[in-house]
Amino acid sequence: MNKFIVLACVCGAAYLLYDLQSVKQTANEALRAGTLKGVETCVAYSKSDLVSAETTRNVCIESFQKVLLQQ
């Protein structure tokens, strides 16, 4: 838990000071795991002409999904 708090503080400080895209993406992954807002933000950060929008969306969905039931 302490590591998460330290990571959150470091990300917050870097975000406020530098406004880095990679810091925003890391914070998004840590704070919005398993949420639709996290997927939407991931897609917004991943705009590229080299990869289709559907592929980008699928990768973001895969990285933000949570396992609901374990068999």
N, C-alpha and C. Protein backbone atom coordinates (compact mmCIF):
# COMPACT_ATOMS: atom_id res chain seq x y z
N MET A 1 0.83 -1.19 0.00
CA MET A 1 0.00 0.00 0.00
C MET A 1 0.87 1.25 0.00
N ASN A 2 1.97 1.21 0.75
CA ASN A 2 2.85 2.38 0.80
C ASN A 2 3.49 2.65 -0.55
N LYS A 3 3.82 1.58 -1.29
CA LYS A 3 4.40 1.76 -2.62
C LYS A 3 3.42 2.44 -3.55
N PHE A 4 2.14 2.11 -3.43
CA PHE A 4 1.12 2.72 -4.27
C PHE A 4 1.00 4.21 -3.97
N ILE A 5 1.06 4.56 -2.69
CA ILE A 5 0.96 5.97 -2.29
C ILE A 5 2.17 6.75 -2.82
N VAL A 6 3.36 6.16 -2.71
CA VAL A 6 4.56 6.82 -3.21
C VAL A 6 4.47 6.98 -4.72
N LEU A 7 4.04 5.91 -5.43
CA LEU A 7 3.88 5.99 -6.88
C LEU A 7 2.88 7.07 -7.27
N ALA A 8 1.78 7.14 -6.54
CA ALA A 8 0.76 8.15 -6.84
C ALA A 8 1.32 9.55 -6.63
N CYS A 9 2.08 9.75 -5.58
CA CYS A 9 2.67 11.07 -5.31
C CYS A 9 3.69 11.45 -6.38
N VAL A 10 4.52 10.49 -6.78
CA VAL A 10 5.52 10.76 -7.81
C VAL A 10 4.84 11.07 -9.13
N CYS A 11 3.84 10.29 -9.49
CA CYS A 11 3.12 10.54 -10.74
C CYS A 11 2.40 11.89 -10.69
N GLY A 12 1.80 12.19 -9.57
CA GLY A 12 1.11 13.47 -9.43
C GLY A 12 2.05 14.65 -9.56
N ALA A 13 3.20 14.55 -8.91
CA ALA A 13 4.17 15.64 -8.99
C ALA A 13 4.72 15.79 -10.41
N ALA A 14 5.04 14.66 -11.05
CA ALA A 14 5.55 14.72 -12.43
C ALA A 14 4.48 15.28 -13.37
N TYR A 15 3.23 14.90 -13.15
CA TYR A 15 2.14 15.39 -13.99
C TYR A 15 2.00 16.90 -13.86
N LEU A 16 2.04 17.38 -12.62
CA LEU A 16 1.88 18.82 -12.41
C LEU A 16 3.08 19.62 -12.91
N LEU A 17 4.27 19.05 -12.78
CA LEU A 17 5.47 19.79 -13.16
C LEU A 17 5.77 19.71 -14.66
N TYR A 18 5.61 18.54 -15.24
CA TYR A 18 6.08 18.34 -16.61
C TYR A 18 4.98 18.06 -17.62
N ASP A 19 3.84 17.59 -17.17
CA ASP A 19 2.72 17.25 -18.04
C ASP A 19 3.15 16.27 -19.14
N LEU A 20 3.85 15.22 -18.73
CA LEU A 20 4.36 14.23 -19.67
C LEU A 20 3.26 13.24 -20.07
N GLN A 21 3.25 12.89 -21.32
CA GLN A 21 2.26 11.94 -21.84
C GLN A 21 2.42 10.57 -21.21
N SER A 22 3.66 10.11 -21.06
CA SER A 22 3.88 8.78 -20.48
C SER A 22 3.48 8.73 -19.01
N VAL A 23 3.64 9.84 -18.30
CA VAL A 23 3.21 9.89 -16.91
C VAL A 23 1.69 9.80 -16.83
N LYS A 24 1.02 10.48 -17.74
CA LYS A 24 -0.44 10.41 -17.78
C LYS A 24 -0.91 8.99 -18.06
N GLN A 25 -0.24 8.31 -19.00
CA GLN A 25 -0.63 6.94 -19.33
C GLN A 25 -0.41 6.00 -18.15
N THR A 26 0.71 6.13 -17.45
CA THR A 26 0.99 5.29 -16.29
C THR A 26 -0.02 5.53 -15.19
N ALA A 27 -0.33 6.78 -14.94
CA ALA A 27 -1.32 7.11 -13.92
C ALA A 27 -2.69 6.58 -14.31
N ASN A 28 -3.03 6.66 -15.58
CA ASN A 28 -4.30 6.14 -16.06
C ASN A 28 -4.39 4.64 -15.82
N GLU A 29 -3.32 3.91 -16.13
CA GLU A 29 -3.31 2.46 -15.94
C GLU A 29 -3.41 2.09 -14.46
N ALA A 30 -2.77 2.85 -13.60
CA ALA A 30 -2.77 2.52 -12.18
C ALA A 30 -4.09 2.89 -11.50
N LEU A 31 -4.65 4.01 -11.87
CA LEU A 31 -5.82 4.52 -11.15
C LEU A 31 -7.16 4.10 -11.75
N ARG A 32 -7.19 3.76 -13.02
CA ARG A 32 -8.46 3.45 -13.67
C ARG A 32 -8.52 2.03 -14.20
N ALA A 33 -7.81 1.13 -13.57
CA ALA A 33 -7.82 -0.27 -14.01
C ALA A 33 -9.23 -0.85 -13.87
N GLY A 34 -9.70 -1.48 -14.92
CA GLY A 34 -11.01 -2.11 -14.89
C GLY A 34 -12.18 -1.18 -15.12
N THR A 35 -11.94 0.04 -15.58
CA THR A 35 -13.03 0.98 -15.80
C THR A 35 -13.12 1.37 -17.27
N LEU A 36 -14.30 1.75 -17.68
CA LEU A 36 -14.52 2.21 -19.04
C LEU A 36 -13.79 3.52 -19.30
N LYS A 37 -13.73 4.38 -18.30
CA LYS A 37 -13.01 5.65 -18.43
C LYS A 37 -11.53 5.41 -18.72
N GLY A 38 -10.96 4.37 -18.10
CA GLY A 38 -9.57 4.03 -18.37
C GLY A 38 -9.36 3.60 -19.81
N VAL A 39 -10.30 2.82 -20.34
CA VAL A 39 -10.22 2.39 -21.74
C VAL A 39 -10.34 3.58 -22.67
N GLU A 40 -11.29 4.45 -22.39
CA GLU A 40 -11.48 5.64 -23.24
C GLU A 40 -10.23 6.52 -23.25
N THR A 41 -9.63 6.70 -22.09
CA THR A 41 -8.43 7.52 -22.00
C THR A 41 -7.26 6.86 -22.71
N CYS A 42 -7.15 5.55 -22.58
CA CYS A 42 -6.09 4.81 -23.28
C CYS A 42 -6.22 4.99 -24.79
N VAL A 43 -7.43 4.90 -25.30
CA VAL A 43 -7.66 5.07 -26.73
C VAL A 43 -7.32 6.50 -27.15
N ALA A 44 -7.66 7.46 -26.33
CA ALA A 44 -7.35 8.86 -26.65
C ALA A 44 -5.85 9.11 -26.69
N TYR A 45 -5.10 8.46 -25.79
CA TYR A 45 -3.65 8.63 -25.76
C TYR A 45 -2.96 7.89 -26.90
N SER A 46 -3.63 6.95 -27.52
CA SER A 46 -2.98 6.06 -28.49
C SER A 46 -3.34 6.39 -29.93
N LYS A 47 -3.60 7.61 -30.23
CA LYS A 47 -3.92 8.00 -31.60
C LYS A 47 -2.70 7.81 -32.49
N SER A 48 -2.88 7.01 -33.54
CA SER A 48 -1.78 6.75 -34.47
C SER A 48 -2.37 6.41 -35.83
N ASP A 49 -1.67 6.81 -36.87
CA ASP A 49 -2.10 6.48 -38.23
C ASP A 49 -1.59 5.11 -38.67
N LEU A 50 -0.67 4.54 -37.90
CA LEU A 50 -0.08 3.26 -38.28
C LEU A 50 -0.92 2.06 -37.84
N VAL A 51 -1.74 2.24 -36.81
CA VAL A 51 -2.56 1.15 -36.28
C VAL A 51 -4.02 1.56 -36.38
N SER A 52 -4.87 0.61 -36.74
CA SER A 52 -6.29 0.94 -36.89
C SER A 52 -6.91 1.25 -35.53
N ALA A 53 -7.99 1.98 -35.57
CA ALA A 53 -8.70 2.36 -34.34
C ALA A 53 -9.24 1.12 -33.62
N GLU A 54 -9.68 0.13 -34.38
CA GLU A 54 -10.21 -1.09 -33.77
C GLU A 54 -9.11 -1.85 -33.02
N THR A 55 -7.93 -1.94 -33.60
CA THR A 55 -6.81 -2.62 -32.94
C THR A 55 -6.41 -1.88 -31.68
N THR A 56 -6.34 -0.57 -31.75
CA THR A 56 -6.01 0.23 -30.56
C THR A 56 -7.03 0.00 -29.47
N ARG A 57 -8.30 0.02 -29.82
CA ARG A 57 -9.36 -0.20 -28.84
C ARG A 57 -9.26 -1.58 -28.20
N ASN A 58 -8.99 -2.60 -29.02
CA ASN A 58 -8.89 -3.96 -28.50
C ASN A 58 -7.72 -4.12 -27.54
N VAL A 59 -6.58 -3.49 -27.84
CA VAL A 59 -5.42 -3.55 -26.95
C VAL A 59 -5.73 -2.85 -25.63
N CYS A 60 -6.39 -1.70 -25.70
CA CYS A 60 -6.75 -0.98 -24.48
C CYS A 60 -7.74 -1.77 -23.64
N ILE A 61 -8.71 -2.38 -24.29
CA ILE A 61 -9.69 -3.19 -23.56
C ILE A 61 -9.00 -4.35 -22.87
N GLU A 62 -8.08 -5.00 -23.56
CA GLU A 62 -7.37 -6.15 -22.99
C GLU A 62 -6.53 -5.73 -21.78
N SER A 63 -5.91 -4.56 -21.85
CA SER A 63 -5.05 -4.14 -20.75
C SER A 63 -5.84 -3.63 -19.55
N PHE A 64 -7.08 -3.20 -19.74
CA PHE A 64 -7.88 -2.65 -18.64
C PHE A 64 -8.94 -3.60 -18.11
N GLN A 65 -9.09 -4.77 -18.69
CA GLN A 65 -10.12 -5.68 -18.22
C GLN A 65 -9.74 -6.31 -16.90
N LYS A 66 -10.75 -6.66 -16.11
CA LYS A 66 -10.55 -7.36 -14.86
C LYS A 66 -11.24 -8.71 -14.94
N VAL A 67 -10.68 -9.69 -14.26
CA VAL A 67 -11.29 -11.00 -14.19
C VAL A 67 -12.39 -10.95 -13.14
N LEU A 68 -13.61 -11.24 -13.55
CA LEU A 68 -14.74 -11.18 -12.62
C LEU A 68 -14.95 -12.52 -11.91
N LEU A 69 -14.87 -13.60 -12.65
CA LEU A 69 -15.09 -14.92 -12.07
C LEU A 69 -13.91 -15.81 -12.44
N GLN A 70 -13.36 -16.49 -11.45
CA GLN A 70 -12.30 -17.45 -11.72
C GLN A 70 -12.88 -18.84 -11.64
N GLN A 71 -12.53 -19.69 -12.59
CA GLN A 71 -13.10 -21.03 -12.62
C GLN A 71 -12.13 -22.03 -12.07
